[in-house]
Amino acid sequence: TISRDHSARLYRRANWEGDFSCTGTIRLLGEVTACCWLTPEIFVLAARDDHHLLYYDVAGGSDGGPKERQKVNLNVVGDSVVSFAVLSLAASPNGKMVAACTDK
């Protein structure tokens, strides 16, 4: 789940019928505005007031939860200006490309 409280939380269940349990929480500086899954193990987040797309592995963090994989600058010239917010993300069928819908 993603939230206005600047966090993204991952949940899973032990089997198809059991209760969900939180397996990790990611806290960002801004409101988490979008998330998409590239594979069952890799997801991408976008946050308000951040000029990066943030790629994560589901597991591998020091607490067993998500681990940051890479940051990708959204600005073509590589600067840190934030002039738009990502409102939605969508992965291509093969998971190799991500489309971002913005407010500008």
C-alpha atoms as a PDB file:
ATOM      1  CA  THR A   1       0.000   0.000   0.000  1.00  0.00           C
ATOM      2  CA  ILE A   2       1.095   3.607  -0.517  1.00  0.00           C
ATOM      3  CA  SER A   3      -0.014   6.513   1.606  1.00  0.00           C
ATOM      4  CA  ARG A   4      -0.101  10.234   2.171  1.00  0.00           C
ATOM      5  CA  ASP A   5       1.781   9.610   5.431  1.00  0.00           C
ATOM      6  CA  HIS A   6       5.008   9.311   3.353  1.00  0.00           C
ATOM      7  CA  SER A   7       5.147   5.531   3.615  1.00  0.00           C
ATOM      8  CA  ALA A   8       4.785   2.425   1.494  1.00  0.00           C
ATOM      9  CA  ARG A   9       4.038  -0.877   3.202  1.00  0.00           C
ATOM     10  CA  LEU A  10       4.446  -4.406   1.866  1.00  0.00           C
ATOM     11  CA  TYR A  11       2.114  -7.190   2.961  1.00  0.00           C
ATOM     12  CA  ARG A  12       2.006 -10.901   2.283  1.00  0.00           C
ATOM     13  CA  ARG A  13       0.271 -13.958   3.554  1.00  0.00           C
ATOM     14  CA  ALA A  14       1.690 -17.356   4.336  1.00  0.00           C
ATOM     15  CA  ASN A  15      -0.896 -19.112   2.181  1.00  0.00           C
ATOM     16  CA  TRP A  16      -3.786 -18.107  -0.060  1.00  0.00           C
ATOM     17  CA  GLU A  17      -6.280 -18.100   2.809  1.00  0.00           C
ATOM     18  CA  GLY A  18      -4.312 -16.710   5.751  1.00  0.00           C
ATOM     19  CA  ASP A  19      -4.186 -13.218   7.204  1.00  0.00           C
ATOM     20  CA  PHE A  20      -1.928 -10.572   5.695  1.00  0.00           C
ATOM     21  CA  SER A  21       1.148  -9.479   7.654  1.00  0.00           C
ATOM     22  CA  CYS A  22       3.366  -6.446   7.097  1.00  0.00           C
ATOM     23  CA  THR A  23       6.783  -7.508   5.816  1.00  0.00           C
ATOM     24  CA  GLY A  24       8.320  -4.059   5.508  1.00  0.00           C
ATOM     25  CA  THR A  25       7.768  -0.313   5.549  1.00  0.00           C
ATOM     26  CA  ILE A  26       9.540   2.268   3.415  1.00  0.00           C
ATOM     27  CA  ARG A  27       9.485   5.878   4.627  1.00  0.00           C
ATOM     28  CA  LEU A  28      10.095   8.675   2.132  1.00  0.00           C
ATOM     29  CA  LEU A  29      10.438  12.444   2.508  1.00  0.00           C
ATOM     30  CA  GLY A  30       7.224  13.169   0.600  1.00  0.00           C
ATOM     31  CA  GLU A  31       3.815  11.656  -0.002  1.00  0.00           C
ATOM     32  CA  VAL A  32       4.144   8.395  -1.918  1.00  0.00           C
ATOM     33  CA  THR A  33       2.107   9.094  -5.051  1.00  0.00           C
ATOM     34  CA  ALA A  34       2.610   6.006  -7.223  1.00  0.00           C
ATOM     35  CA  CYS A  35       3.783   2.405  -7.230  1.00  0.00           C
ATOM     36  CA  CYS A  36       4.042  -0.290  -9.870  1.00  0.00           C
ATOM     37  CA  TRP A  37       5.434  -3.806  -9.969  1.00  0.00           C
ATOM     38  CA  LEU A  38       8.026  -4.702 -12.616  1.00  0.00           C
ATOM     39  CA  THR A  39       8.322  -8.332 -11.518  1.00  0.00           C
ATOM     40  CA  PRO A  40       7.003 -10.254  -8.511  1.00  0.00           C
ATOM     41  CA  GLU A  41      10.220  -9.238  -6.741  1.00  0.00           C
ATOM     42  CA  ILE A  42      10.860  -5.644  -7.953  1.00  0.00           C
ATOM     43  CA  PHE A  43       8.675  -2.555  -7.575  1.00  0.00           C
ATOM     44  CA  VAL A  44       9.032   1.171  -8.282  1.00  0.00           C
ATOM     45  CA  LEU A  45       7.880   4.106  -6.122  1.00  0.00           C
ATOM     46  CA  ALA A  46       7.444   7.810  -6.816  1.00  0.00           C
ATOM     47  CA  ALA A  47       7.023  10.480  -4.149  1.00  0.00           C
ATOM     48  CA  ARG A  48       5.973  14.107  -4.176  1.00  0.00           C
ATOM     49  CA  ASP A  49       8.899  16.574  -4.042  1.00  0.00           C
ATOM     50  CA  ASP A  50      11.372  13.910  -5.185  1.00  0.00           C
ATOM     51  CA  HIS A  51      13.037  13.951  -8.609  1.00  0.00           C
ATOM     52  CA  HIS A  52      13.786  10.210  -8.587  1.00  0.00           C
ATOM     53  CA  LEU A  53      11.988   6.989  -9.311  1.00  0.00           C
ATOM     54  CA  LEU A  54      12.959   4.579  -6.534  1.00  0.00           C
ATOM     55  CA  TYR A  55      13.404   0.909  -7.399  1.00  0.00           C
ATOM     56  CA  TYR A  56      13.195  -1.712  -4.628  1.00  0.00           C
ATOM     57  CA  ASP A  57      13.689  -5.435  -4.195  1.00  0.00           C
ATOM     58  CA  VAL A  58      10.964  -7.035  -2.064  1.00  0.00           C
ATOM     59  CA  ALA A  59      13.555  -8.619   0.230  1.00  0.00           C
ATOM     60  CA  GLY A  60      17.206  -8.114   1.031  1.00  0.00           C
ATOM     61  CA  GLY A  61      17.087  -5.253   3.517  1.00  0.00           C
ATOM     62  CA  SER A  62      18.900  -5.533   6.839  1.00  0.00           C
ATOM     63  CA  ASP A  63      15.572  -6.306   8.550  1.00  0.00           C
ATOM     64  CA  GLY A  64      14.549  -8.834   5.895  1.00  0.00           C
ATOM     65  CA  GLY A  65      12.193  -6.327   4.278  1.00  0.00           C
ATOM     66  CA  PRO A  66      12.552  -4.284   1.087  1.00  0.00           C
ATOM     67  CA  LYS A  67      15.944  -3.070  -0.107  1.00  0.00           C
ATOM     68  CA  GLU A  68      16.564  -0.060  -2.341  1.00  0.00           C
ATOM     69  CA  ARG A  69      17.846  -1.264  -5.705  1.00  0.00           C
ATOM     70  CA  GLN A  70      18.485   2.043  -7.516  1.00  0.00           C
ATOM     71  CA  LYS A  71      17.376   5.640  -7.987  1.00  0.00           C
ATOM     72  CA  VAL A  72      16.646   7.006 -11.439  1.00  0.00           C
ATOM     73  CA  ASN A  73      16.620  10.765 -12.013  1.00  0.00           C
ATOM     74  CA  LEU A  74      13.429  11.961 -13.719  1.00  0.00           C
ATOM     75  CA  ASN A  75      15.126  15.068 -15.130  1.00  0.00           C
ATOM     76  CA  VAL A  76      16.681  14.797 -18.568  1.00  0.00           C
ATOM     77  CA  VAL A  77      19.616  17.083 -17.658  1.00  0.00           C
ATOM     78  CA  GLY A  78      20.305  15.266 -14.382  1.00  0.00           C
ATOM     79  CA  ASP A  79      19.559  18.190 -12.063  1.00  0.00           C
ATOM     80  CA  SER A  80      17.563  18.040  -8.826  1.00  0.00           C
ATOM     81  CA  VAL A  81      14.742  20.439  -9.732  1.00  0.00           C
ATOM     82  CA  VAL A  82      11.262  19.132  -8.918  1.00  0.00           C
ATOM     83  CA  SER A  83       8.837  20.714 -11.390  1.00  0.00           C
ATOM     84  CA  PHE A  84       6.148  18.005 -11.492  1.00  0.00           C
ATOM     85  CA  ALA A  85       4.699  15.154  -9.463  1.00  0.00           C
ATOM     86  CA  VAL A  86       4.342  11.590 -10.689  1.00  0.00           C
ATOM     87  CA  LEU A  87       0.698  10.604 -10.235  1.00  0.00           C
ATOM     88  CA  SER A  88       0.737   7.125 -11.752  1.00  0.00           C
ATOM     89  CA  LEU A  89       3.243   4.524 -12.956  1.00  0.00           C
ATOM     90  CA  ALA A  90       2.707   1.647 -15.394  1.00  0.00           C
ATOM     91  CA  ALA A  91       5.163  -1.066 -16.373  1.00  0.00           C
ATOM     92  CA  SER A  92       5.511  -2.428 -19.891  1.00  0.00           C
ATOM     93  CA  PRO A  93       4.479  -6.093 -20.285  1.00  0.00           C
ATOM     94  CA  ASN A  94       8.113  -7.232 -20.121  1.00  0.00           C
ATOM     95  CA  GLY A  95       8.894  -4.974 -17.114  1.00  0.00           C
ATOM     96  CA  LYS A  96      11.781  -3.228 -18.896  1.00  0.00           C
ATOM     97  CA  MET A  97      10.118   0.201 -19.244  1.00  0.00           C
ATOM     98  CA  VAL A  98       8.021   2.390 -16.964  1.00  0.00           C
ATOM     99  CA  ALA A  99       5.559   5.061 -18.082  1.00  0.00           C
ATOM    100  CA  ALA A 100       4.921   7.946 -15.688  1.00  0.00           C
ATOM    101  CA  CYS A 101       1.817  10.133 -15.722  1.00  0.00           C
ATOM    102  CA  THR A 102       2.542  13.544 -14.180  1.00  0.00           C
ATOM    103  CA  ASP A 103       0.587  16.630 -13.154  1.00  0.00           C
ATOM    104  CA  LYS A 104       2.293  18.834 -15.797  1.00  0.00           C
END
